Amino acid sequence: MQISITLIIIIITTIISLTAMSNPRMLQDMIFYPPAVKRGQWYRFFSCGLIHADFGHLLFNMFALYIFGEGKINTAGGPVYLGVEFKFLDVFGEKGKWIYLGLYLLALGASILPTYAKQHDNYHYRSLGASGAVSAVVFASILFNPLMGMGLLFIPVYIAGFLFGILYLVISSILDRKGGDNINHSAHIFGAVFGIGFTVLVCHFWADYPVLDYFFQQVRAVSFRDLIQFG
């Protein structure tokens, strides 16, 4: 049985995150710290995505990555995979798993570039977590499946993915401007934007797959019943 790229990322991130939680020196060497990046430690754009503030932070990110990256559901005929990794395999063939890995890794760095531009001289700023890359996977999933139901844990109300994505970006932008909550909302926003842009470009140049056309076809056909669902 071949293990998915998504599960490999989750396993590696979990091991490193749990280790760093009990090793302050390791955490400080990997965390995104703009002055250190300015001194040439560019690896921090990526290493910061392998560590998390606490177990809850890690669990939330890895659960979201599993749901939208692998998206396995069990049916009478066996497991069905709905996640982005397997959609990439459908669109690009075997090389889809490497394109998916490229999406995740590049999103780690791209999502935090605006943070670096803003905080490069801030000796008090630090950031960690895989949220930017996870946001890229989530929004790539929305691009492929804009009508899938999305919501919050333990709340049995789901809205269409494209509407959830709009609300997510609007709320994240408001919270980013407000500040003060120790969450890098900017990384969430730019990770999401990167995920959309990356997916559109690779589908166009490497597969001639009109993902935007399919997205808008589904959105134009949406009914109110598709927008809100109660589970």
Protein backbone atom coordinates (compact mmCIF):
# COMPACT_ATOMS: atom_id res chain seq x y z
CA MET A 1 0.00 0.00 0.00
CA GLN A 2 1.46 3.34 -1.09
CA ILE A 3 1.30 6.13 1.44
CA SER A 4 0.06 9.50 0.19
CA ILE A 5 2.12 12.69 0.06
CA THR A 6 -0.45 14.23 2.41
CA LEU A 7 0.13 11.59 5.08
CA ILE A 8 3.91 11.86 4.69
CA ILE A 9 3.68 15.63 5.30
CA ILE A 10 1.44 15.07 8.32
CA ILE A 11 3.77 12.46 9.83
CA ILE A 12 6.92 14.54 9.34
CA THR A 13 5.28 17.75 10.60
CA THR A 14 3.82 16.00 13.64
CA ILE A 15 7.14 14.42 14.65
CA ILE A 16 9.10 17.65 14.26
CA SER A 17 6.42 19.78 15.91
CA LEU A 18 6.11 17.52 18.96
CA THR A 19 9.89 17.37 19.30
CA ALA A 20 10.25 21.16 19.06
CA MET A 21 7.54 21.71 21.69
CA SER A 22 9.88 20.18 24.27
CA ASN A 23 13.08 21.61 22.76
CA PRO A 24 13.13 25.44 22.94
CA ARG A 25 16.48 25.67 21.12
CA MET A 26 15.17 23.66 18.18
CA LEU A 27 12.02 25.79 18.03
CA GLN A 28 14.01 29.03 18.02
CA ASP A 29 16.28 27.71 15.25
CA MET A 30 13.29 26.89 13.03
CA ILE A 31 10.79 29.66 13.79
CA PHE A 32 10.21 32.46 11.28
CA TYR A 33 12.27 35.34 12.66
CA PRO A 34 12.66 38.20 10.14
CA PRO A 35 16.02 39.56 11.36
CA ALA A 36 17.51 36.04 11.09
CA VAL A 37 16.12 35.71 7.57
CA LYS A 38 17.67 39.06 6.73
CA ARG A 39 21.02 37.63 7.86
CA GLY A 40 20.65 34.87 5.26
CA GLN A 41 18.69 32.15 7.06
CA TRP A 42 16.17 31.74 4.23
CA TYR A 43 15.35 28.19 5.28
CA ARG A 44 13.11 29.71 7.97
CA PHE A 45 10.49 30.44 5.28
CA PHE A 46 9.97 26.68 5.17
CA SER A 47 11.14 25.35 8.54
CA CYS A 48 8.54 27.48 10.37
CA GLY A 49 5.84 25.35 8.73
CA LEU A 50 7.18 22.24 10.46
CA ILE A 51 6.65 23.58 13.98
CA HIS A 52 3.53 24.65 15.90
CA ALA A 53 2.78 26.60 19.05
CA ASP A 54 0.95 23.78 20.84
CA PHE A 55 -0.83 20.49 20.23
CA GLY A 56 -4.17 22.17 19.42
CA HIS A 57 -2.49 24.33 16.76
CA LEU A 58 -0.84 21.25 15.26
CA LEU A 59 -4.02 19.14 15.38
CA PHE A 60 -6.15 21.79 13.67
CA ASN A 61 -3.70 22.30 10.80
CA MET A 62 -3.01 18.60 10.21
CA PHE A 63 -6.70 17.69 10.41
CA ALA A 64 -7.54 20.34 7.80
CA LEU A 65 -4.66 19.16 5.60
CA TYR A 66 -5.90 15.58 5.79
CA ILE A 67 -9.51 16.50 5.02
CA PHE A 68 -8.70 18.69 2.01
CA GLY A 69 -5.46 17.07 0.86
CA GLU A 70 -6.51 13.42 1.02
CA GLY A 71 -10.23 13.59 1.71
CA LYS A 72 -10.83 9.85 1.99
CA ILE A 73 -14.38 8.61 2.56
CA ASN A 74 -15.37 4.96 2.91
CA THR A 75 -18.14 3.61 0.69
CA ALA A 76 -19.62 0.18 0.06
CA GLY A 77 -17.34 -0.13 -2.95
CA GLY A 78 -14.23 0.84 -0.98
CA PRO A 79 -12.45 4.10 -0.15
CA VAL A 80 -13.02 7.14 -2.36
CA TYR A 81 -10.49 9.97 -2.38
CA LEU A 82 -11.78 13.51 -2.93
CA GLY A 83 -8.79 15.58 -1.82
CA VAL A 84 -6.53 17.86 -3.84
CA GLU A 85 -3.67 15.36 -4.03
CA PHE A 86 -5.88 12.83 -5.77
CA LYS A 87 -7.53 15.44 -7.97
CA PHE A 88 -4.02 16.39 -9.12
CA LEU A 89 -3.37 12.70 -9.90
CA ASP A 90 -6.56 12.65 -12.01
CA VAL A 91 -5.58 15.81 -13.88
CA PHE A 92 -1.80 15.37 -14.26
CA GLY A 93 -1.28 11.64 -13.97
CA GLU A 94 1.54 10.24 -11.85
CA LYS A 95 3.40 13.57 -11.77
CA GLY A 96 0.37 15.04 -9.97
CA LYS A 97 1.73 13.97 -6.57
CA TRP A 98 4.92 15.99 -7.17
CA ILE A 99 2.93 18.99 -8.37
CA TYR A 100 0.85 18.69 -5.20
CA LEU A 101 4.03 18.59 -3.10
CA GLY A 102 5.23 21.67 -4.99
CA LEU A 103 1.96 23.45 -4.16
CA TYR A 104 2.42 22.76 -0.45
CA LEU A 105 6.12 23.62 -0.21
CA LEU A 106 5.96 26.74 -2.36
CA ALA A 107 2.90 27.95 -0.45
CA LEU A 108 4.86 27.73 2.81
CA GLY A 109 7.33 30.31 1.54
CA ALA A 110 5.00 32.42 -0.61
CA SER A 111 2.38 32.83 2.13
CA ILE A 112 4.84 34.47 4.48
CA LEU A 113 6.64 36.73 1.98
CA PRO A 114 4.27 39.67 2.70
CA THR A 115 4.92 39.15 6.42
CA TYR A 116 8.65 39.39 5.81
CA ALA A 117 8.23 42.53 3.71
CA LYS A 118 6.31 44.14 6.58
CA GLN A 119 8.28 42.79 9.54
CA HIS A 120 11.85 42.43 8.22
CA ASP A 121 13.25 44.89 10.78
CA ASN A 122 11.04 43.81 13.68
CA TYR A 123 13.20 42.09 16.31
CA HIS A 124 10.11 41.17 18.35
CA TYR A 125 8.22 39.34 15.58
CA ARG A 126 8.04 35.55 15.25
CA SER A 127 5.71 33.26 13.36
CA LEU A 128 5.24 29.49 13.11
CA GLY A 129 2.82 26.94 11.76
CA ALA A 130 1.73 25.41 8.45
CA SER A 131 -1.44 27.50 8.12
CA GLY A 132 -0.35 29.29 4.93
CA ALA A 133 0.32 26.02 3.08
CA VAL A 134 -2.84 24.42 4.47
CA SER A 135 -4.85 27.43 3.26
CA ALA A 136 -3.39 26.88 -0.21
CA VAL A 137 -4.62 23.28 -0.20
CA VAL A 138 -8.05 24.29 1.13
CA PHE A 139 -8.56 26.90 -1.58
CA ALA A 140 -7.30 24.58 -4.32
CA SER A 141 -9.97 22.17 -3.10
CA ILE A 142 -12.62 24.92 -3.28
CA LEU A 143 -11.52 25.67 -6.84
CA PHE A 144 -12.16 22.06 -7.86
CA ASN A 145 -15.30 21.60 -5.74
CA PRO A 146 -16.94 25.00 -5.18
CA LEU A 147 -20.24 23.53 -4.00
CA MET A 148 -18.89 21.12 -1.38
CA GLY A 149 -20.28 21.81 2.08
CA MET A 150 -17.88 23.49 4.48
CA GLY A 151 -18.36 24.60 8.07
CA LEU A 152 -16.94 24.63 11.57
CA LEU A 153 -16.30 21.59 13.73
CA PHE A 154 -19.28 20.38 15.79
CA ILE A 155 -21.64 22.93 14.17
CA PRO A 156 -24.03 21.05 11.83
CA VAL A 157 -24.44 23.89 9.32
CA TYR A 158 -22.54 23.82 6.04
CA ILE A 159 -22.27 26.41 3.30
CA ALA A 160 -21.00 26.05 -0.26
CA GLY A 161 -17.21 26.04 -0.44
CA PHE A 162 -16.90 29.12 -2.65
CA LEU A 163 -19.07 31.14 -0.24
CA PHE A 164 -17.09 29.85 2.74
CA GLY A 165 -13.89 30.92 0.95
CA ILE A 166 -15.19 34.46 0.39
CA LEU A 167 -16.24 34.80 4.03
CA TYR A 168 -12.91 33.36 5.19
CA LEU A 169 -10.91 35.91 3.19
CA VAL A 170 -13.10 38.84 4.28
CA ILE A 171 -12.92 37.91 7.98
CA SER A 172 -9.18 37.20 7.78
CA SER A 173 -8.59 40.61 6.18
CA ILE A 174 -10.56 42.34 8.94
CA LEU A 175 -8.70 40.46 11.67
CA ASP A 176 -5.36 41.13 9.98
CA ARG A 177 -5.99 44.88 9.99
CA LYS A 178 -7.21 44.75 13.57
CA GLY A 179 -4.23 42.70 14.83
CA GLY A 180 -3.49 41.87 18.44
CA ASP A 181 -4.49 38.18 18.45
CA ASN A 182 -1.05 36.61 17.78
CA ILE A 183 -2.32 34.95 14.59
CA ASN A 184 -0.66 35.59 11.23
CA HIS A 185 -3.83 36.18 9.21
CA SER A 186 -1.73 37.56 6.37
CA ALA A 187 -0.21 34.09 5.83
CA HIS A 188 -3.70 32.60 5.67
CA ILE A 189 -4.81 35.13 3.05
CA PHE A 190 -1.75 34.91 0.83
CA GLY A 191 -1.60 31.14 1.18
CA ALA A 192 -5.18 30.98 -0.09
CA VAL A 193 -4.43 33.32 -3.00
CA PHE A 194 -1.31 31.35 -3.87
CA GLY A 195 -3.25 28.08 -3.83
CA ILE A 196 -5.75 29.44 -6.35
CA GLY A 197 -3.11 31.00 -8.60
CA PHE A 198 -0.83 27.96 -8.56
CA THR A 199 -3.68 25.57 -9.37
CA VAL A 200 -4.99 27.70 -12.24
CA LEU A 201 -1.51 28.03 -13.78
CA VAL A 202 -0.47 24.38 -13.58
CA CYS A 203 -3.87 23.22 -14.86
CA HIS A 204 -3.53 25.57 -17.84
CA PHE A 205 0.10 24.96 -18.81
CA TRP A 206 0.62 21.31 -17.82
CA ALA A 207 -2.77 19.71 -18.44
CA ASP A 208 -4.94 22.10 -20.48
CA TYR A 209 -7.60 21.53 -17.81
CA PRO A 210 -9.97 24.56 -17.66
CA VAL A 211 -10.38 24.57 -13.89
CA LEU A 212 -11.73 28.14 -13.81
CA ASP A 213 -14.34 27.35 -16.47
CA TYR A 214 -15.53 24.32 -14.49
CA PHE A 215 -15.55 26.41 -11.31
CA PHE A 216 -17.78 29.12 -12.79
CA GLN A 217 -20.06 26.58 -14.47
CA GLN A 218 -20.79 25.05 -11.06
CA VAL A 219 -21.20 28.41 -9.34
CA ARG A 220 -23.57 29.72 -12.03
CA ALA A 221 -25.75 26.65 -11.61
CA VAL A 222 -25.96 26.95 -7.82
CA SER A 223 -29.31 27.06 -6.06
CA PHE A 224 -30.13 28.35 -2.59
CA ARG A 225 -30.42 24.72 -1.46
CA ASP A 226 -26.78 24.20 -2.51
CA LEU A 227 -25.60 27.27 -0.58
CA ILE A 228 -26.68 26.19 2.89
CA GLN A 229 -27.05 22.68 4.21
CA PHE A 230 -27.93 21.36 7.63
CA GLY A 231 -26.20 18.18 8.72
